[in-house]
Amino acid sequence: MKIITHSEKETEAAGAELAKTLAPGSVVAMYGDLGAGKTAFVRGMSRGLGIDFPVSSPTFTVVNEYPGKTPLFHFDMYRLGSADELFDIGWDDYLQRGGICAVEWSENVEDAFEPGTVKVTITKLGDTEREILVEVMD
């Protein structure tokens, strides 16, 4: 599925719509350049899951947890060099907790993802315009 958004608010809305389709235990692997809108998309996912907490990038903490009926685990892999480092921080434990895992900078840990992972690629088309491509990994 391809979506074109024209503002940060529309990018958040796209995230909210995707979140409504996800089952507990889903993984969303996000790809996109710095400033593409990955965190805005996750803010929308949070809203779509009914979570009422401010969402910010977990660049320095690696993961932020947002509690809810279905919790959201927001990862930022920018500072990790491999999937081994992801497993070292307890990736398997997060997968078992029944929440949604949203992973920014997924290219750094790509070999950690199983078939069925939702891949979201966000491409800047202009100052506020984005192309969001949603696929399922094989």
C-alpha atoms as a PDB file:
ATOM      1  CA  MET A   1       0.000   0.000   0.000  1.00  0.00           C
ATOM      2  CA  LYS A   2       1.323   3.460  -0.885  1.00  0.00           C
ATOM      3  CA  ILE A   3       0.163   6.643   0.855  1.00  0.00           C
ATOM      4  CA  ILE A   4       1.119  10.233   0.067  1.00  0.00           C
ATOM      5  CA  THR A   5       0.880  12.647   2.992  1.00  0.00           C
ATOM      6  CA  HIS A   6       1.157  16.417   2.840  1.00  0.00           C
ATOM      7  CA  SER A   7       1.778  17.283   6.489  1.00  0.00           C
ATOM      8  CA  GLU A   8       3.058  15.848   9.750  1.00  0.00           C
ATOM      9  CA  LYS A   9      -0.563  15.532  10.888  1.00  0.00           C
ATOM     10  CA  GLU A  10      -1.388  13.383   7.845  1.00  0.00           C
ATOM     11  CA  THR A  11       1.699  11.218   8.491  1.00  0.00           C
ATOM     12  CA  GLU A  12       0.478  10.695  12.060  1.00  0.00           C
ATOM     13  CA  ALA A  13      -2.983   9.808  10.732  1.00  0.00           C
ATOM     14  CA  ALA A  14      -1.439   7.165   8.470  1.00  0.00           C
ATOM     15  CA  GLY A  15       0.310   5.671  11.510  1.00  0.00           C
ATOM     16  CA  ALA A  16      -2.953   5.649  13.453  1.00  0.00           C
ATOM     17  CA  GLU A  17      -4.742   3.802  10.643  1.00  0.00           C
ATOM     18  CA  LEU A  18      -2.007   1.185  10.389  1.00  0.00           C
ATOM     19  CA  ALA A  19      -2.015   0.600  14.159  1.00  0.00           C
ATOM     20  CA  LYS A  20      -5.729  -0.232  14.068  1.00  0.00           C
ATOM     21  CA  THR A  21      -4.941  -3.188  11.766  1.00  0.00           C
ATOM     22  CA  LEU A  22      -2.127  -4.687  13.857  1.00  0.00           C
ATOM     23  CA  ALA A  23      -2.428  -7.662  16.156  1.00  0.00           C
ATOM     24  CA  PRO A  24      -0.618  -7.886  19.499  1.00  0.00           C
ATOM     25  CA  GLY A  25       2.922  -9.113  18.857  1.00  0.00           C
ATOM     26  CA  SER A  26       3.247  -7.307  15.523  1.00  0.00           C
ATOM     27  CA  VAL A  27       6.549  -5.753  14.507  1.00  0.00           C
ATOM     28  CA  VAL A  28       6.717  -2.623  12.354  1.00  0.00           C
ATOM     29  CA  ALA A  29      10.170  -2.104  10.814  1.00  0.00           C
ATOM     30  CA  MET A  30      10.580   1.523   9.770  1.00  0.00           C
ATOM     31  CA  TYR A  31      12.945   2.864   7.139  1.00  0.00           C
ATOM     32  CA  GLY A  32      13.633   6.457   6.119  1.00  0.00           C
ATOM     33  CA  ASP A  33      16.201   9.210   6.235  1.00  0.00           C
ATOM     34  CA  LEU A  34      16.688  11.513   9.188  1.00  0.00           C
ATOM     35  CA  GLY A  35      13.648  13.793   9.384  1.00  0.00           C
ATOM     36  CA  ALA A  36      11.512  11.592   7.132  1.00  0.00           C
ATOM     37  CA  GLY A  37       8.726  11.338   9.707  1.00  0.00           C
ATOM     38  CA  LYS A  38       9.295   7.994  11.411  1.00  0.00           C
ATOM     39  CA  THR A  39       8.638   9.370  14.894  1.00  0.00           C
ATOM     40  CA  ALA A  40       5.543  11.233  13.669  1.00  0.00           C
ATOM     41  CA  PHE A  41       4.283   7.948  12.224  1.00  0.00           C
ATOM     42  CA  VAL A  42       4.860   6.224  15.585  1.00  0.00           C
ATOM     43  CA  ARG A  43       3.006   9.068  17.362  1.00  0.00           C
ATOM     44  CA  GLY A  44       0.073   8.218  15.140  1.00  0.00           C
ATOM     45  CA  MET A  45       0.437   4.513  15.882  1.00  0.00           C
ATOM     46  CA  SER A  46       0.265   5.348  19.569  1.00  0.00           C
ATOM     47  CA  ARG A  47      -2.936   7.303  19.059  1.00  0.00           C
ATOM     48  CA  GLY A  48      -4.389   4.479  16.940  1.00  0.00           C
ATOM     49  CA  LEU A  49      -3.730   2.072  19.806  1.00  0.00           C
ATOM     50  CA  GLY A  50      -5.543   4.378  22.228  1.00  0.00           C
ATOM     51  CA  ILE A  51      -2.366   5.300  24.095  1.00  0.00           C
ATOM     52  CA  ASP A  52      -2.365   8.777  25.613  1.00  0.00           C
ATOM     53  CA  PHE A  53       1.327   9.435  26.304  1.00  0.00           C
ATOM     54  CA  PRO A  54       3.650  11.888  24.547  1.00  0.00           C
ATOM     55  CA  VAL A  55       5.794   9.980  22.041  1.00  0.00           C
ATOM     56  CA  SER A  56       9.403  10.997  21.467  1.00  0.00           C
ATOM     57  CA  SER A  57      12.330   9.393  19.697  1.00  0.00           C
ATOM     58  CA  PRO A  58      14.186   6.904  21.906  1.00  0.00           C
ATOM     59  CA  THR A  59      17.562   7.735  20.312  1.00  0.00           C
ATOM     60  CA  PHE A  60      19.488   7.720  23.581  1.00  0.00           C
ATOM     61  CA  THR A  61      17.382   5.205  25.530  1.00  0.00           C
ATOM     62  CA  VAL A  62      17.055   2.740  22.597  1.00  0.00           C
ATOM     63  CA  VAL A  63      13.473   1.871  23.583  1.00  0.00           C
ATOM     64  CA  ASN A  64      10.504   3.791  24.999  1.00  0.00           C
ATOM     65  CA  GLU A  65       7.556   1.852  26.391  1.00  0.00           C
ATOM     66  CA  TYR A  66       4.031   3.230  26.178  1.00  0.00           C
ATOM     67  CA  PRO A  67       1.472   1.281  28.263  1.00  0.00           C
ATOM     68  CA  GLY A  68      -2.010   0.587  26.996  1.00  0.00           C
ATOM     69  CA  LYS A  69      -4.450  -2.219  26.301  1.00  0.00           C
ATOM     70  CA  THR A  70      -1.901  -3.178  23.650  1.00  0.00           C
ATOM     71  CA  PRO A  71       1.405  -1.594  24.692  1.00  0.00           C
ATOM     72  CA  LEU A  72       3.700   0.076  22.188  1.00  0.00           C
ATOM     73  CA  PHE A  73       7.443  -0.504  22.312  1.00  0.00           C
ATOM     74  CA  HIS A  74       9.222   2.183  20.304  1.00  0.00           C
ATOM     75  CA  PHE A  75      12.803   1.276  19.363  1.00  0.00           C
ATOM     76  CA  ASP A  76      15.491   3.437  17.780  1.00  0.00           C
ATOM     77  CA  MET A  77      18.289   1.330  16.328  1.00  0.00           C
ATOM     78  CA  TYR A  78      20.370   4.288  15.118  1.00  0.00           C
ATOM     79  CA  ARG A  79      23.115   3.631  17.671  1.00  0.00           C
ATOM     80  CA  LEU A  80      23.137  -0.164  17.273  1.00  0.00           C
ATOM     81  CA  GLY A  81      25.481  -1.862  14.845  1.00  0.00           C
ATOM     82  CA  SER A  82      23.874  -5.286  14.495  1.00  0.00           C
ATOM     83  CA  ALA A  83      20.946  -7.504  15.337  1.00  0.00           C
ATOM     84  CA  ASP A  84      23.133  -9.154  17.996  1.00  0.00           C
ATOM     85  CA  GLU A  85      23.049  -5.891  19.959  1.00  0.00           C
ATOM     86  CA  LEU A  86      19.258  -5.827  19.642  1.00  0.00           C
ATOM     87  CA  PHE A  87      19.007  -9.337  21.109  1.00  0.00           C
ATOM     88  CA  ASP A  88      21.394  -8.257  23.896  1.00  0.00           C
ATOM     89  CA  ILE A  89      18.883  -5.619  25.045  1.00  0.00           C
ATOM     90  CA  GLY A  90      16.085  -8.191  25.302  1.00  0.00           C
ATOM     91  CA  TRP A  91      14.391  -8.124  21.875  1.00  0.00           C
ATOM     92  CA  ASP A  92      12.968 -11.623  22.422  1.00  0.00           C
ATOM     93  CA  ASP A  93      11.401 -10.491  25.703  1.00  0.00           C
ATOM     94  CA  TYR A  94       9.661  -7.579  23.996  1.00  0.00           C
ATOM     95  CA  LEU A  95       8.315  -9.885  21.290  1.00  0.00           C
ATOM     96  CA  GLN A  96       6.788 -12.121  23.970  1.00  0.00           C
ATOM     97  CA  ARG A  97       5.034  -9.297  25.845  1.00  0.00           C
ATOM     98  CA  GLY A  98       2.094  -8.973  23.444  1.00  0.00           C
ATOM     99  CA  GLY A  99       2.651  -5.386  22.432  1.00  0.00           C
ATOM    100  CA  ILE A 100       3.438  -3.719  19.126  1.00  0.00           C
ATOM    101  CA  CYS A 101       7.134  -3.145  18.378  1.00  0.00           C
ATOM    102  CA  ALA A 102       7.824  -0.097  16.185  1.00  0.00           C
ATOM    103  CA  VAL A 103      11.481  -0.020  15.127  1.00  0.00           C
ATOM    104  CA  GLU A 104      13.168   3.065  13.677  1.00  0.00           C
ATOM    105  CA  TRP A 105      16.437   2.672  11.723  1.00  0.00           C
ATOM    106  CA  SER A 106      15.540  -0.944  10.990  1.00  0.00           C
ATOM    107  CA  GLU A 107      18.276  -1.237   8.366  1.00  0.00           C
ATOM    108  CA  ASN A 108      20.768  -1.546  11.255  1.00  0.00           C
ATOM    109  CA  VAL A 109      19.129  -4.745  12.578  1.00  0.00           C
ATOM    110  CA  GLU A 110      17.347  -6.088   9.523  1.00  0.00           C
ATOM    111  CA  ASP A 111      18.348  -9.716  10.070  1.00  0.00           C
ATOM    112  CA  ALA A 112      16.384  -9.725  13.356  1.00  0.00           C
ATOM    113  CA  PHE A 113      13.035  -9.498  11.549  1.00  0.00           C
ATOM    114  CA  GLU A 114      10.890 -12.529  10.850  1.00  0.00           C
ATOM    115  CA  PRO A 115       8.621 -13.049   7.826  1.00  0.00           C
ATOM    116  CA  GLY A 116       5.364 -11.207   8.433  1.00  0.00           C
ATOM    117  CA  THR A 117       7.065  -8.104   9.802  1.00  0.00           C
ATOM    118  CA  VAL A 118       5.359  -4.953   8.522  1.00  0.00           C
ATOM    119  CA  LYS A 119       7.863  -2.798   6.616  1.00  0.00           C
ATOM    120  CA  VAL A 120       7.154   0.933   6.477  1.00  0.00           C
ATOM    121  CA  THR A 121       9.376   3.034   4.227  1.00  0.00           C
ATOM    122  CA  ILE A 122       8.955   6.806   4.451  1.00  0.00           C
ATOM    123  CA  THR A 123      10.466   8.923   1.683  1.00  0.00           C
ATOM    124  CA  LYS A 124      10.653  12.729   1.705  1.00  0.00           C
ATOM    125  CA  LEU A 125       9.088  14.162  -1.434  1.00  0.00           C
ATOM    126  CA  GLY A 126       9.292  17.781  -0.268  1.00  0.00           C
ATOM    127  CA  ASP A 127       9.333  19.897   2.873  1.00  0.00           C
ATOM    128  CA  THR A 128       6.138  18.345   4.223  1.00  0.00           C
ATOM    129  CA  GLU A 129       5.119  15.797   1.584  1.00  0.00           C
ATOM    130  CA  ARG A 130       5.949  12.130   2.235  1.00  0.00           C
ATOM    131  CA  GLU A 131       5.484   8.836   0.434  1.00  0.00           C
ATOM    132  CA  ILE A 132       4.728   6.017   2.863  1.00  0.00           C
ATOM    133  CA  LEU A 133       5.054   2.499   1.504  1.00  0.00           C
ATOM    134  CA  VAL A 134       3.628  -0.300   3.685  1.00  0.00           C
ATOM    135  CA  GLU A 135       4.601  -3.892   2.826  1.00  0.00           C
ATOM    136  CA  VAL A 136       4.839  -7.241   4.584  1.00  0.00           C
ATOM    137  CA  MET A 137       8.285  -8.857   4.657  1.00  0.00           C
ATOM    138  CA  ASP A 138       8.723 -12.347   3.261  1.00  0.00           C
END
